[in-house]
Amino acid sequence: MNTRVFFLTALSALTLAGCADGPQLKPNVSGKAGEVIVVMDKSNWEAAPGQSLRSLLAIDFPYLPQSEPLFSLFNITENAFSSIFQSHRNIILCNMTSDLPEAKMVIQKDIWAAPQIVITISGPTPETIRDCIDKEGDKIRNALEQAERNRVITNSKKYEEQALRNTVTKWLGGSPYFPNGYTIKKQTDNFIWIAYETTYTNQGIFIYTYPYRSEEDLTLPRIIAERNLVLEREVPGPLENTYMTTNSMIEPSLRWVTYNNRQFAELRGLWDVKNDFMGGPFVSHCFYDKANNRVVVLEAFVYAPKYKKRNYVRQVESILYSFEWQNE
């Protein structure tokens, strides 16, 4: 059975589900976070279509101390795409069909399992499929990123530590959703540190504000300067005269993001402990709180010296995306 048949079967299943009475229960997705199953014959996987997907999705995840791919890609041939793989969380189906006039892409959810994303790319030739991947690259990458993010946010809301959100909301006027296991590590008048810690890992979130005076307060130099001041004061290291700061050897990046009608500056970089050897990745969401004329900073960081860090970063970064104002 080829990919086209699977695609048509999936559409039929969705149609029947819409006609049936009540919700249709589907199995939970399988696979690890960050994994993507690519259904494509070996010749195309090793040629232009596969090269385009690898160039899009297997590049380095930004700002990690060690190289890790944005996504872990696993190639499965059409004949091997059985029910074992159909329940995977992230699937890309590449379907070469000569009777199509041009290549096209379709993004669907929860075809065989939930919460699942299935991206089908169809075209008459390998070259048209490659061109479609190149043209729709941002949509493909963003859809997979959002799917991974939504899973974390859904679990954070389902299994949340509501007392944490209440505490942050009372102080700030809004809050992310924190899943079970997160606790307040430190709280002062203008700073909250919330963390999930195990023996060898630390996923932390800092929340703080600083006054807004002009657009310069949301530029890269200003955000880094304020960050370093806050962390020197609030986040001491394990030894005397040590504290968290921004790694100065690799300059952080800044880009503007719009998400759920909220615009923020996303800062990515590496953190160090001054006068010590600890470090790791961080990502910050910085946005203007017009009602209080201030900049709000939500920052996620990871310390996991024994482990790969991509999935830890995605988990804690997704919590930042769950932020909601109290009056929304």
C-alpha atoms as a PDB file:
ATOM      1  CA  MET A   1       0.000   0.000   0.000  1.00  0.00           C
ATOM      2  CA  ASN A   2       1.530   3.337  -1.017  1.00  0.00           C
ATOM      3  CA  THR A   3       1.415   6.745   0.614  1.00  0.00           C
ATOM      4  CA  ARG A   4      -1.364   7.954  -1.660  1.00  0.00           C
ATOM      5  CA  VAL A   5      -3.633   5.170  -0.445  1.00  0.00           C
ATOM      6  CA  PHE A   6      -2.804   6.033   3.158  1.00  0.00           C
ATOM      7  CA  PHE A   7      -3.623   9.679   2.448  1.00  0.00           C
ATOM      8  CA  LEU A   8      -7.003   8.824   0.901  1.00  0.00           C
ATOM      9  CA  THR A   9      -7.744   6.433   3.758  1.00  0.00           C
ATOM     10  CA  ALA A  10      -6.989   9.195   6.217  1.00  0.00           C
ATOM     11  CA  LEU A  11      -9.377  11.583   4.460  1.00  0.00           C
ATOM     12  CA  SER A  12     -12.095   8.929   4.502  1.00  0.00           C
ATOM     13  CA  ALA A  13     -11.517   8.311   8.194  1.00  0.00           C
ATOM     14  CA  LEU A  14     -11.875  12.015   8.927  1.00  0.00           C
ATOM     15  CA  THR A  15     -15.108  12.193   6.926  1.00  0.00           C
ATOM     16  CA  LEU A  16     -16.591   9.202   8.758  1.00  0.00           C
ATOM     17  CA  ALA A  17     -15.558  10.646  12.099  1.00  0.00           C
ATOM     18  CA  GLY A  18     -17.410  13.844  11.280  1.00  0.00           C
ATOM     19  CA  CYS A  19     -20.604  11.876  10.521  1.00  0.00           C
ATOM     20  CA  ALA A  20     -20.540   9.620  13.573  1.00  0.00           C
ATOM     21  CA  ASP A  21     -22.333  10.477  16.786  1.00  0.00           C
ATOM     22  CA  GLY A  22     -20.072  11.817  19.540  1.00  0.00           C
ATOM     23  CA  PRO A  23     -16.318  12.267  19.643  1.00  0.00           C
ATOM     24  CA  GLN A  24     -14.051   9.636  18.100  1.00  0.00           C
ATOM     25  CA  LEU A  25     -11.418   8.444  20.542  1.00  0.00           C
ATOM     26  CA  LYS A  26      -7.967   7.931  19.095  1.00  0.00           C
ATOM     27  CA  PRO A  27      -4.853   6.416  20.656  1.00  0.00           C
ATOM     28  CA  ASN A  28      -2.190   8.623  22.133  1.00  0.00           C
ATOM     29  CA  VAL A  29       0.698   9.480  19.869  1.00  0.00           C
ATOM     30  CA  SER A  30       3.931   7.507  20.041  1.00  0.00           C
ATOM     31  CA  GLY A  31       7.522   8.589  19.609  1.00  0.00           C
ATOM     32  CA  LYS A  32       9.782  10.960  21.503  1.00  0.00           C
ATOM     33  CA  ALA A  33       9.606  14.752  21.500  1.00  0.00           C
ATOM     34  CA  GLY A  34      11.423  16.235  18.529  1.00  0.00           C
ATOM     35  CA  GLU A  35      11.180  13.108  16.367  1.00  0.00           C
ATOM     36  CA  VAL A  36       9.722  13.233  12.846  1.00  0.00           C
ATOM     37  CA  ILE A  37       8.877  10.192  10.706  1.00  0.00           C
ATOM     38  CA  VAL A  38       9.478  10.920   6.992  1.00  0.00           C
ATOM     39  CA  VAL A  39       7.676   8.490   4.677  1.00  0.00           C
ATOM     40  CA  MET A  40       9.679   8.578   1.456  1.00  0.00           C
ATOM     41  CA  ASP A  41      11.367   5.994  -0.731  1.00  0.00           C
ATOM     42  CA  LYS A  42      15.107   5.638  -0.267  1.00  0.00           C
ATOM     43  CA  SER A  43      16.027   7.073  -3.665  1.00  0.00           C
ATOM     44  CA  ASN A  44      14.219  10.347  -2.961  1.00  0.00           C
ATOM     45  CA  TRP A  45      15.438  10.433   0.655  1.00  0.00           C
ATOM     46  CA  GLU A  46      19.016  10.351  -0.587  1.00  0.00           C
ATOM     47  CA  ALA A  47      18.297  12.798  -3.443  1.00  0.00           C
ATOM     48  CA  ALA A  48      16.848  16.309  -3.706  1.00  0.00           C
ATOM     49  CA  PRO A  49      13.609  15.919  -1.650  1.00  0.00           C
ATOM     50  CA  GLY A  50      15.409  14.318   1.290  1.00  0.00           C
ATOM     51  CA  GLN A  51      18.234  16.831   1.107  1.00  0.00           C
ATOM     52  CA  SER A  52      15.740  19.707   1.245  1.00  0.00           C
ATOM     53  CA  LEU A  53      14.015  18.250   4.303  1.00  0.00           C
ATOM     54  CA  ARG A  54      17.321  17.702   6.078  1.00  0.00           C
ATOM     55  CA  SER A  55      18.461  21.236   5.239  1.00  0.00           C
ATOM     56  CA  LEU A  56      15.194  22.522   6.691  1.00  0.00           C
ATOM     57  CA  LEU A  57      14.659  20.342   9.765  1.00  0.00           C
ATOM     58  CA  ALA A  58      17.974  18.710  10.672  1.00  0.00           C
ATOM     59  CA  ILE A  59      19.964  21.930  11.055  1.00  0.00           C
ATOM     60  CA  ASP A  60      21.363  22.750  14.484  1.00  0.00           C
ATOM     61  CA  PHE A  61      18.924  23.800  17.185  1.00  0.00           C
ATOM     62  CA  PRO A  62      19.920  27.403  17.973  1.00  0.00           C
ATOM     63  CA  TYR A  63      22.098  28.299  20.950  1.00  0.00           C
ATOM     64  CA  LEU A  64      22.902  24.969  22.519  1.00  0.00           C
ATOM     65  CA  PRO A  65      26.332  24.267  24.025  1.00  0.00           C
ATOM     66  CA  GLN A  66      26.610  21.097  21.921  1.00  0.00           C
ATOM     67  CA  SER A  67      25.292  20.447  18.423  1.00  0.00           C
ATOM     68  CA  GLU A  68      21.799  18.920  18.319  1.00  0.00           C
ATOM     69  CA  PRO A  69      19.389  18.863  15.350  1.00  0.00           C
ATOM     70  CA  LEU A  70      16.248  20.962  15.271  1.00  0.00           C
ATOM     71  CA  PHE A  71      14.347  17.704  14.728  1.00  0.00           C
ATOM     72  CA  SER A  72      15.455  14.066  14.662  1.00  0.00           C
ATOM     73  CA  LEU A  73      14.396  12.712  11.256  1.00  0.00           C
ATOM     74  CA  PHE A  74      13.720   9.024  10.618  1.00  0.00           C
ATOM     75  CA  ASN A  75      13.131   7.799   7.082  1.00  0.00           C
ATOM     76  CA  ILE A  76      10.526   5.063   6.553  1.00  0.00           C
ATOM     77  CA  THR A  77       9.677   3.633   3.150  1.00  0.00           C
ATOM     78  CA  GLU A  78       6.071   3.452   1.983  1.00  0.00           C
ATOM     79  CA  ASN A  79       5.956  -0.333   2.364  1.00  0.00           C
ATOM     80  CA  ALA A  80       7.232  -0.120   5.928  1.00  0.00           C
ATOM     81  CA  PHE A  81       4.726   2.561   6.973  1.00  0.00           C
ATOM     82  CA  SER A  82       2.562   0.258   9.068  1.00  0.00           C
ATOM     83  CA  SER A  83       0.240   0.947  11.987  1.00  0.00           C
ATOM     84  CA  ILE A  84       3.276   0.984  14.289  1.00  0.00           C
ATOM     85  CA  PHE A  85       4.477   4.196  12.652  1.00  0.00           C
ATOM     86  CA  GLN A  86       1.067   5.703  11.877  1.00  0.00           C
ATOM     87  CA  SER A  87       0.581   6.615  15.532  1.00  0.00           C
ATOM     88  CA  HIS A  88       3.750   8.732  15.608  1.00  0.00           C
ATOM     89  CA  ARG A  89       3.442  12.318  16.846  1.00  0.00           C
ATOM     90  CA  ASN A  90       4.996  14.002  13.775  1.00  0.00           C
ATOM     91  CA  ILE A  91       4.693  12.530  10.269  1.00  0.00           C
ATOM     92  CA  ILE A  92       5.730  13.857   6.856  1.00  0.00           C
ATOM     93  CA  LEU A  93       4.298  11.905   3.902  1.00  0.00           C
ATOM     94  CA  CYS A  94       6.007  12.486   0.544  1.00  0.00           C
ATOM     95  CA  ASN A  95       3.776  11.203  -2.236  1.00  0.00           C
ATOM     96  CA  MET A  96       4.987  11.174  -5.857  1.00  0.00           C
ATOM     97  CA  THR A  97       1.984  10.987  -8.191  1.00  0.00           C
ATOM     98  CA  SER A  98       2.493  11.536 -11.916  1.00  0.00           C
ATOM     99  CA  ASP A  99      -1.115  12.619 -12.590  1.00  0.00           C
ATOM    100  CA  LEU A 100      -0.792  15.749 -10.432  1.00  0.00           C
ATOM    101  CA  PRO A 101      -0.254  18.974 -12.417  1.00  0.00           C
ATOM    102  CA  GLU A 102       1.935  20.479  -9.677  1.00  0.00           C
ATOM    103  CA  ALA A 103       3.173  19.863  -6.158  1.00  0.00           C
ATOM    104  CA  LYS A 104       1.081  20.780  -3.138  1.00  0.00           C
ATOM    105  CA  MET A 105       1.202  20.488   0.637  1.00  0.00           C
ATOM    106  CA  VAL A 106      -1.562  19.645   3.123  1.00  0.00           C
ATOM    107  CA  ILE A 107      -1.275  19.888   6.922  1.00  0.00           C
ATOM    108  CA  GLN A 108      -3.690  17.763   8.983  1.00  0.00           C
ATOM    109  CA  LYS A 109      -4.116  16.860  12.630  1.00  0.00           C
ATOM    110  CA  ASP A 110      -4.973  13.682  14.499  1.00  0.00           C
ATOM    111  CA  ILE A 111      -5.413  11.329  11.541  1.00  0.00           C
ATOM    112  CA  TRP A 112      -4.286   8.122  13.246  1.00  0.00           C
ATOM    113  CA  ALA A 113      -3.566   9.309  16.805  1.00  0.00           C
ATOM    114  CA  ALA A 114      -3.772  12.417  18.987  1.00  0.00           C
ATOM    115  CA  PRO A 115      -2.293  14.955  19.336  1.00  0.00           C
ATOM    116  CA  GLN A 116      -0.707  14.299  15.950  1.00  0.00           C
ATOM    117  CA  ILE A 117       0.411  16.379  12.980  1.00  0.00           C
ATOM    118  CA  VAL A 118       0.628  14.906   9.480  1.00  0.00           C
ATOM    119  CA  ILE A 119       2.161  16.921   6.649  1.00  0.00           C
ATOM    120  CA  THR A 120       1.533  15.487   3.170  1.00  0.00           C
ATOM    121  CA  ILE A 121       3.632  16.761   0.265  1.00  0.00           C
ATOM    122  CA  SER A 122       2.518  15.493  -3.151  1.00  0.00           C
ATOM    123  CA  GLY A 123       3.969  16.151  -6.583  1.00  0.00           C
ATOM    124  CA  PRO A 124       4.523  14.634 -10.021  1.00  0.00           C
ATOM    125  CA  THR A 125       8.333  14.452  -9.801  1.00  0.00           C
ATOM    126  CA  PRO A 126      11.075  14.513  -7.169  1.00  0.00           C
ATOM    127  CA  GLU A 127      12.051  17.980  -8.360  1.00  0.00           C
ATOM    128  CA  THR A 128       8.551  19.403  -7.824  1.00  0.00           C
ATOM    129  CA  ILE A 129       8.417  17.868  -4.343  1.00  0.00           C
ATOM    130  CA  ARG A 130      11.781  19.435  -3.552  1.00  0.00           C
ATOM    131  CA  ASP A 131      10.590  22.810  -4.824  1.00  0.00           C
ATOM    132  CA  CYS A 132       7.442  22.536  -2.703  1.00  0.00           C
ATOM    133  CA  ILE A 133       9.512  21.773   0.400  1.00  0.00           C
ATOM    134  CA  ASP A 134      11.734  24.770  -0.298  1.00  0.00           C
ATOM    135  CA  LYS A 135       8.754  27.051  -0.962  1.00  0.00           C
ATOM    136  CA  GLU A 136       6.723  25.928   2.067  1.00  0.00           C
ATOM    137  CA  GLY A 137       9.705  25.454   4.375  1.00  0.00           C
ATOM    138  CA  ASP A 138       8.675  28.049   6.939  1.00  0.00           C
ATOM    139  CA  LYS A 139       5.156  26.599   7.166  1.00  0.00           C
ATOM    140  CA  ILE A 140       6.507  23.054   7.585  1.00  0.00           C
ATOM    141  CA  ARG A 141       8.977  24.005  10.308  1.00  0.00           C
ATOM    142  CA  ASN A 142       6.529  26.287  12.131  1.00  0.00           C
ATOM    143  CA  ALA A 143       3.776  23.636  12.050  1.00  0.00           C
ATOM    144  CA  LEU A 144       6.073  21.056  13.653  1.00  0.00           C
ATOM    145  CA  GLU A 145       7.349  23.554  16.233  1.00  0.00           C
ATOM    146  CA  GLN A 146       3.804  24.577  17.126  1.00  0.00           C
ATOM    147  CA  ALA A 147       2.681  20.954  17.416  1.00  0.00           C
ATOM    148  CA  GLU A 148       5.472  20.201  19.892  1.00  0.00           C
ATOM    149  CA  ARG A 149       4.701  23.408  21.782  1.00  0.00           C
ATOM    150  CA  ASN A 150       0.962  22.716  21.962  1.00  0.00           C
ATOM    151  CA  ARG A 151       1.544  19.301  23.533  1.00  0.00           C
ATOM    152  CA  VAL A 152       3.526  20.873  26.364  1.00  0.00           C
ATOM    153  CA  ILE A 153       0.997  23.673  26.867  1.00  0.00           C
ATOM    154  CA  THR A 154      -1.906  21.204  26.927  1.00  0.00           C
ATOM    155  CA  ASN A 155      -0.188  19.110  29.587  1.00  0.00           C
ATOM    156  CA  SER A 156       0.774  22.224  31.554  1.00  0.00           C
ATOM    157  CA  LYS A 157      -2.870  23.266  31.699  1.00  0.00           C
ATOM    158  CA  LYS A 158      -4.150  19.767  32.421  1.00  0.00           C
ATOM    159  CA  TYR A 159      -1.676  19.058  35.218  1.00  0.00           C
ATOM    160  CA  GLU A 160      -0.914  22.544  36.427  1.00  0.00           C
ATOM    161  CA  GLU A 161       0.328  23.847  39.744  1.00  0.00           C
ATOM    162  CA  GLN A 162      -2.477  26.388  39.991  1.00  0.00           C
ATOM    163  CA  ALA A 163      -1.068  27.999  43.123  1.00  0.00           C
ATOM    164  CA  LEU A 164       1.981  29.106  41.138  1.00  0.00           C
ATOM    165  CA  ARG A 165      -0.125  30.772  38.459  1.00  0.00           C
ATOM    166  CA  ASN A 166      -2.185  32.482  41.149  1.00  0.00           C
ATOM    167  CA  THR A 167       0.963  33.816  42.814  1.00  0.00           C
ATOM    168  CA  VAL A 168       2.438  35.160  39.586  1.00  0.00           C
ATOM    169  CA  THR A 169      -0.897  36.616  38.457  1.00  0.00           C
ATOM    170  CA  LYS A 170      -1.408  38.437  41.743  1.00  0.00           C
ATOM    171  CA  TRP A 171       1.993  40.088  41.364  1.00  0.00           C
ATOM    172  CA  LEU A 172       2.176  40.622  37.595  1.00  0.00           C
ATOM    173  CA  GLY A 173      -1.410  40.598  36.337  1.00  0.00           C
ATOM    174  CA  GLY A 174      -0.845  37.497  34.218  1.00  0.00           C
ATOM    175  CA  SER A 175       1.076  34.240  34.235  1.00  0.00           C
ATOM    176  CA  PRO A 176       2.167  31.164  32.289  1.00  0.00           C
ATOM    177  CA  TYR A 177       0.775  27.739  33.181  1.00  0.00           C
ATOM    178  CA  PHE A 178       3.214  25.659  35.238  1.00  0.00           C
ATOM    179  CA  PRO A 179       2.924  21.838  35.245  1.00  0.00           C
ATOM    180  CA  ASN A 180       3.244  19.637  38.304  1.00  0.00           C
ATOM    181  CA  GLY A 181       6.691  19.612  39.853  1.00  0.00           C
ATOM    182  CA  TYR A 182       7.509  23.303  39.430  1.00  0.00           C
ATOM    183  CA  THR A 183       8.021  25.268  42.631  1.00  0.00           C
ATOM    184  CA  ILE A 184       8.982  28.793  43.644  1.00  0.00           C
ATOM    185  CA  LYS A 185      12.693  28.904  44.321  1.00  0.00           C
ATOM    186  CA  LYS A 186      12.934  32.620  45.048  1.00  0.00           C
ATOM    187  CA  GLN A 187      10.605  35.621  45.174  1.00  0.00           C
ATOM    188  CA  THR A 188      11.410  39.279  45.795  1.00  0.00           C
ATOM    189  CA  ASP A 189       9.552  42.524  45.110  1.00  0.00           C
ATOM    190  CA  ASN A 190      10.328  42.470  41.384  1.00  0.00           C
ATOM    191  CA  PHE A 191      11.561  38.960  40.643  1.00  0.00           C
ATOM    192  CA  ILE A 192      10.210  35.404  40.735  1.00  0.00           C
ATOM    193  CA  TRP A 193      12.264  32.275  40.086  1.00  0.00           C
ATOM    194  CA  ILE A 194      10.241  29.113  39.434  1.00  0.00           C
ATOM    195  CA  ALA A 195      12.019  25.827  38.771  1.00  0.00           C
ATOM    196  CA  TYR A 196      11.677  22.119  38.133  1.00  0.00           C
ATOM    197  CA  GLU A 197      14.754  20.399  39.507  1.00  0.00           C
ATOM    198  CA  THR A 198      15.978  16.818  39.493  1.00  0.00           C
ATOM    199  CA  THR A 199      19.287  15.355  40.584  1.00  0.00           C
ATOM    200  CA  TYR A 200      21.035  16.252  37.323  1.00  0.00           C
ATOM    201  CA  THR A 201      18.747  18.793  35.596  1.00  0.00           C
ATOM    202  CA  ASN A 202      17.310  22.226  36.254  1.00  0.00           C
ATOM    203  CA  GLN A 203      14.602  23.824  34.141  1.00  0.00           C
ATOM    204  CA  GLY A 204      13.993  27.317  35.433  1.00  0.00           C
ATOM    205  CA  ILE A 205      11.826  30.321  34.672  1.00  0.00           C
ATOM    206  CA  PHE A 206      12.636  33.886  35.706  1.00  0.00           C
ATOM    207  CA  ILE A 207       9.960  36.577  35.632  1.00  0.00           C
ATOM    208  CA  TYR A 208      10.890  40.214  36.188  1.00  0.00           C
ATOM    209  CA  THR A 209      10.171  43.714  34.912  1.00  0.00           C
ATOM    210  CA  TYR A 210      12.000  46.959  34.270  1.00  0.00           C
ATOM    211  CA  PRO A 211      10.756  50.482  33.404  1.00  0.00           C
ATOM    212  CA  TYR A 212       9.891  51.360  29.816  1.00  0.00           C
ATOM    213  CA  ARG A 213      11.035  54.790  28.648  1.00  0.00           C
ATOM    214  CA  SER A 214      11.475  54.444  24.897  1.00  0.00           C
ATOM    215  CA  GLU A 215      11.799  51.896  22.116  1.00  0.00           C
ATOM    216  CA  GLU A 216      15.447  51.485  23.105  1.00  0.00           C
ATOM    217  CA  ASP A 217      14.287  49.498  26.123  1.00  0.00           C
ATOM    218  CA  LEU A 218      13.366  46.602  23.831  1.00  0.00           C
ATOM    219  CA  THR A 219      16.626  46.477  21.888  1.00  0.00           C
ATOM    220  CA  LEU A 220      19.227  43.739  22.270  1.00  0.00           C
ATOM    221  CA  PRO A 221      21.817  45.807  24.217  1.00  0.00           C
ATOM    222  CA  ARG A 222      19.228  47.124  26.665  1.00  0.00           C
ATOM    223  CA  ILE A 223      17.619  43.727  27.281  1.00  0.00           C
ATOM    224  CA  ILE A 224      21.021  42.113  27.926  1.00  0.00           C
ATOM    225  CA  ALA A 225      22.085  44.952  30.247  1.00  0.00           C
ATOM    226  CA  GLU A 226      18.896  44.654  32.317  1.00  0.00           C
ATOM    227  CA  ARG A 227      19.196  40.874  32.335  1.00  0.00           C
ATOM    228  CA  ASN A 228      22.727  40.977  33.695  1.00  0.00           C
ATOM    229  CA  LEU A 229      21.785  43.458  36.424  1.00  0.00           C
ATOM    230  CA  VAL A 230      18.860  41.325  37.604  1.00  0.00           C
ATOM    231  CA  LEU A 231      20.763  38.035  37.520  1.00  0.00           C
ATOM    232  CA  GLU A 232      23.794  39.414  39.357  1.00  0.00           C
ATOM    233  CA  ARG A 233      21.473  40.590  42.119  1.00  0.00           C
ATOM    234  CA  GLU A 234      19.049  37.657  42.271  1.00  0.00           C
ATOM    235  CA  VAL A 235      20.778  34.476  41.010  1.00  0.00           C
ATOM    236  CA  PRO A 236      23.960  33.679  42.935  1.00  0.00           C
ATOM    237  CA  GLY A 237      26.283  30.867  41.907  1.00  0.00           C
ATOM    238  CA  PRO A 238      27.465  27.998  44.117  1.00  0.00           C
ATOM    239  CA  LEU A 239      30.552  29.864  45.383  1.00  0.00           C
ATOM    240  CA  GLU A 240      31.205  33.304  46.813  1.00  0.00           C
ATOM    241  CA  ASN A 241      31.401  36.071  44.191  1.00  0.00           C
ATOM    242  CA  THR A 242      29.714  33.903  41.538  1.00  0.00           C
ATOM    243  CA  TYR A 243      26.408  34.669  39.809  1.00  0.00           C
ATOM    244  CA  MET A 244      24.521  33.982  36.588  1.00  0.00           C
ATOM    245  CA  THR A 245      25.184  36.257  33.632  1.00  0.00           C
ATOM    246  CA  THR A 246      25.009  36.318  29.823  1.00  0.00           C
ATOM    247  CA  ASN A 247      27.736  34.542  27.881  1.00  0.00           C
ATOM    248  CA  SER A 248      29.719  37.330  26.210  1.00  0.00           C
ATOM    249  CA  MET A 249      31.625  35.112  23.756  1.00  0.00           C
ATOM    250  CA  ILE A 250      28.542  34.292  21.648  1.00  0.00           C
ATOM    251  CA  GLU A 251      26.168  37.234  21.211  1.00  0.00           C
ATOM    252  CA  PRO A 252      22.486  36.376  21.733  1.00  0.00           C
ATOM    253  CA  SER A 253      20.001  36.735  18.889  1.00  0.00           C
ATOM    254  CA  LEU A 254      16.822  38.821  18.885  1.00  0.00           C
ATOM    255  CA  ARG A 255      13.740  38.492  16.710  1.00  0.00           C
ATOM    256  CA  TRP A 256      10.174  39.757  16.996  1.00  0.00           C
ATOM    257  CA  VAL A 257       7.403  37.186  17.332  1.00  0.00           C
ATOM    258  CA  THR A 258       3.617  37.542  17.227  1.00  0.00           C
ATOM    259  CA  TYR A 259       1.735  34.797  19.050  1.00  0.00           C
ATOM    260  CA  ASN A 260      -1.877  34.768  20.280  1.00  0.00           C
ATOM    261  CA  ASN A 261      -2.238  38.499  19.546  1.00  0.00           C
ATOM    262  CA  ARG A 262       0.785  39.291  21.683  1.00  0.00           C
ATOM    263  CA  GLN A 263       4.018  40.676  20.239  1.00  0.00           C
ATOM    264  CA  PHE A 264       7.308  40.092  22.010  1.00  0.00           C
ATOM    265  CA  ALA A 265      11.053  40.191  21.450  1.00  0.00           C
ATOM    266  CA  GLU A 266      12.513  36.699  21.597  1.00  0.00           C
ATOM    267  CA  LEU A 267      16.069  36.581  22.914  1.00  0.00           C
ATOM    268  CA  ARG A 268      18.146  33.397  22.602  1.00  0.00           C
ATOM    269  CA  GLY A 269      21.598  32.883  23.984  1.00  0.00           C
ATOM    270  CA  LEU A 270      23.857  31.098  26.424  1.00  0.00           C
ATOM    271  CA  TRP A 271      24.216  31.817  30.142  1.00  0.00           C
ATOM    272  CA  ASP A 272      27.312  31.449  32.301  1.00  0.00           C
ATOM    273  CA  VAL A 273      28.091  31.648  35.986  1.00  0.00           C
ATOM    274  CA  LYS A 274      30.633  34.397  36.565  1.00  0.00           C
ATOM    275  CA  ASN A 275      33.876  33.037  38.040  1.00  0.00           C
ATOM    276  CA  ASP A 276      32.661  29.445  37.680  1.00  0.00           C
ATOM    277  CA  PHE A 277      32.163  26.825  34.950  1.00  0.00           C
ATOM    278  CA  MET A 278      28.394  26.348  34.904  1.00  0.00           C
ATOM    279  CA  GLY A 279      26.382  27.293  31.831  1.00  0.00           C
ATOM    280  CA  GLY A 280      23.616  26.423  29.405  1.00  0.00           C
ATOM    281  CA  PRO A 281      20.974  27.807  27.009  1.00  0.00           C
ATOM    282  CA  PHE A 282      18.252  30.366  27.705  1.00  0.00           C
ATOM    283  CA  VAL A 283      15.385  31.999  25.823  1.00  0.00           C
ATOM    284  CA  SER A 284      13.503  35.145  26.862  1.00  0.00           C
ATOM    285  CA  HIS A 285      10.187  36.695  25.845  1.00  0.00           C
ATOM    286  CA  CYS A 286      10.269  40.464  26.431  1.00  0.00           C
ATOM    287  CA  PHE A 287       7.188  42.597  25.816  1.00  0.00           C
ATOM    288  CA  TYR A 288       5.778  46.027  26.572  1.00  0.00           C
ATOM    289  CA  ASP A 289       3.128  46.198  29.283  1.00  0.00           C
ATOM    290  CA  LYS A 290       1.427  49.421  28.244  1.00  0.00           C
ATOM    291  CA  ALA A 291      -0.947  49.552  31.218  1.00  0.00           C
ATOM    292  CA  ASN A 292       1.979  49.708  33.658  1.00  0.00           C
ATOM    293  CA  ASN A 293       4.565  51.323  31.345  1.00  0.00           C
ATOM    294  CA  ARG A 294       7.110  48.563  31.858  1.00  0.00           C
ATOM    295  CA  VAL A 295       8.885  45.725  30.072  1.00  0.00           C
ATOM    296  CA  VAL A 296       7.917  42.252  31.223  1.00  0.00           C
ATOM    297  CA  VAL A 297      10.532  39.507  30.846  1.00  0.00           C
ATOM    298  CA  LEU A 298       9.698  35.805  30.879  1.00  0.00           C
ATOM    299  CA  GLU A 299      12.882  33.765  30.693  1.00  0.00           C
ATOM    300  CA  ALA A 300      13.452  30.024  30.463  1.00  0.00           C
ATOM    301  CA  PHE A 301      16.821  28.401  31.074  1.00  0.00           C
ATOM    302  CA  VAL A 302      18.203  24.878  31.245  1.00  0.00           C
ATOM    303  CA  TYR A 303      21.071  23.343  33.182  1.00  0.00           C
ATOM    304  CA  ALA A 304      21.628  19.702  32.234  1.00  0.00           C
ATOM    305  CA  PRO A 305      25.377  19.022  32.018  1.00  0.00           C
ATOM    306  CA  LYS A 306      24.953  15.248  31.643  1.00  0.00           C
ATOM    307  CA  TYR A 307      22.273  15.308  28.946  1.00  0.00           C
ATOM    308  CA  LYS A 308      21.296  16.655  25.551  1.00  0.00           C
ATOM    309  CA  LYS A 309      19.333  19.849  26.006  1.00  0.00           C
ATOM    310  CA  ARG A 310      17.068  20.371  22.990  1.00  0.00           C
ATOM    311  CA  ASN A 311      13.976  18.765  24.474  1.00  0.00           C
ATOM    312  CA  TYR A 312      14.517  20.370  27.880  1.00  0.00           C
ATOM    313  CA  VAL A 313      14.665  23.783  26.194  1.00  0.00           C
ATOM    314  CA  ARG A 314      11.525  23.102  24.157  1.00  0.00           C
ATOM    315  CA  GLN A 315       9.630  22.016  27.252  1.00  0.00           C
ATOM    316  CA  VAL A 316      10.407  25.040  29.377  1.00  0.00           C
ATOM    317  CA  GLU A 317      10.205  27.489  26.448  1.00  0.00           C
ATOM    318  CA  SER A 318       6.698  26.220  25.667  1.00  0.00           C
ATOM    319  CA  ILE A 319       5.625  27.235  29.164  1.00  0.00           C
ATOM    320  CA  LEU A 320       6.510  30.837  28.274  1.00  0.00           C
ATOM    321  CA  TYR A 321       4.167  30.610  25.277  1.00  0.00           C
ATOM    322  CA  SER A 322       1.289  29.683  27.606  1.00  0.00           C
ATOM    323  CA  PHE A 323       1.347  33.147  29.232  1.00  0.00           C
ATOM    324  CA  GLU A 324      -2.049  34.814  29.581  1.00  0.00           C
ATOM    325  CA  TRP A 325      -3.122  38.116  31.079  1.00  0.00           C
ATOM    326  CA  GLN A 326      -5.697  37.766  33.844  1.00  0.00           C
ATOM    327  CA  ASN A 327      -8.297  39.825  31.977  1.00  0.00           C
ATOM    328  CA  GLU A 328      -7.936  38.029  28.648  1.00  0.00           C
END
